[in-house]
Structure formats: structure tokens, C-alpha cells
Amino acid sequence: MGSINAVRPEHSKLIMNSHVAVQCAIRMSMRALLMSLSLVGWKLEQLRAMEKSHKQRRILLM
């Protein structure tokens, strides 16, 4: 009879699969976070460009 802490082979496979699944989920959420941050950055750049052109237009109108 083995020790109580011994993990059965099928259990170790499950543990490894869940570990891989957790790593994959973390990687996916990090990728989603990076994508949303880059989208926010892109939107801010668009707003800055619009603001700049608006200021230039205002100067031309004066």
C-alpha cells in the first residue's frame, strides 16, 4: 500500500490538464486585456487628432 499523498496516474493527468487550462485562460485574458488597452489607445489617438484639427480650424476661422 502506497503513501496517502501518492497521486494516481489518472489524477495527475487531470491535474496537469487543469494546470494547462488555467495557463491558457490566463494567457487569453492577458491577450484580451492588451487588445482592449490598444483599442483605448487608438481611440485616444483619434480623439487627439480630431481635437488638433478642430483647433486648427478654429484658428483659421478667426
Protein backbone atom coordinates (compact mmCIF):
# COMPACT_ATOMS: atom_id res chain seq x y z
CA MET A 1 0.00 0.00 0.00
CA GLY A 2 1.43 3.38 -1.07
CA SER A 3 1.50 6.59 0.90
CA ILE A 4 -1.67 8.62 1.37
CA ASN A 5 -0.20 11.58 -0.56
CA ALA A 6 0.54 9.50 -3.66
CA VAL A 7 -1.40 10.77 -6.66
CA ARG A 8 -2.92 8.25 -9.02
CA PRO A 9 -1.73 8.48 -12.65
CA GLU A 10 -5.20 9.43 -13.93
CA HIS A 11 -5.42 12.15 -11.27
CA SER A 12 -2.01 13.57 -12.17
CA LYS A 13 -3.20 13.77 -15.79
CA LEU A 14 -6.30 15.69 -14.67
CA ILE A 15 -4.16 18.00 -12.54
CA MET A 16 -1.85 18.67 -15.50
CA ASN A 17 -4.82 19.30 -17.80
CA SER A 18 -6.36 21.76 -15.36
CA HIS A 19 -2.97 23.47 -14.95
CA VAL A 20 -2.69 23.86 -18.73
CA ALA A 21 -6.28 25.11 -18.89
CA VAL A 22 -5.58 27.72 -16.21
CA GLN A 23 -2.43 28.87 -18.02
CA CYS A 24 -4.37 29.09 -21.28
CA ALA A 25 -7.16 31.09 -19.61
CA ILE A 26 -4.61 33.48 -18.09
CA ARG A 27 -2.91 33.90 -21.47
CA MET A 28 -6.25 34.54 -23.19
CA SER A 29 -7.35 37.11 -20.61
CA MET A 30 -3.98 38.88 -20.86
CA ARG A 31 -4.33 38.98 -24.64
CA ALA A 32 -7.87 40.37 -24.33
CA LEU A 33 -6.63 42.99 -21.86
CA LEU A 34 -3.82 44.03 -24.21
CA MET A 35 -6.24 44.23 -27.13
CA SER A 36 -8.68 46.41 -25.20
CA LEU A 37 -5.84 48.65 -23.99
CA SER A 38 -4.52 49.08 -27.53
CA LEU A 39 -8.07 49.83 -28.70
CA VAL A 40 -8.39 52.51 -26.00
CA GLY A 41 -5.01 53.96 -27.04
CA TRP A 42 -6.09 54.02 -30.69
CA LYS A 43 -9.34 55.77 -29.75
CA LEU A 44 -7.42 58.37 -27.71
CA GLU A 45 -5.12 59.00 -30.69
CA GLN A 46 -8.18 59.54 -32.90
CA LEU A 47 -9.67 61.97 -30.38
CA ARG A 48 -6.37 63.88 -30.13
CA ALA A 49 -6.14 64.12 -33.91
CA MET A 50 -9.75 65.38 -34.10
CA GLU A 51 -9.07 67.92 -31.36
CA LYS A 52 -5.93 69.14 -33.12
CA SER A 53 -7.74 69.57 -36.45
CA HIS A 54 -10.60 71.32 -34.62
CA LYS A 55 -8.15 73.79 -33.04
CA GLN A 56 -6.53 74.45 -36.43
CA ARG A 57 -9.97 75.05 -37.96
CA ARG A 58 -10.83 77.46 -35.13
CA ILE A 59 -7.57 79.38 -35.75
CA LEU A 60 -8.38 79.60 -39.48
CA LEU A 61 -11.89 80.93 -38.72
CA MET A 62 -10.60 83.75 -36.51
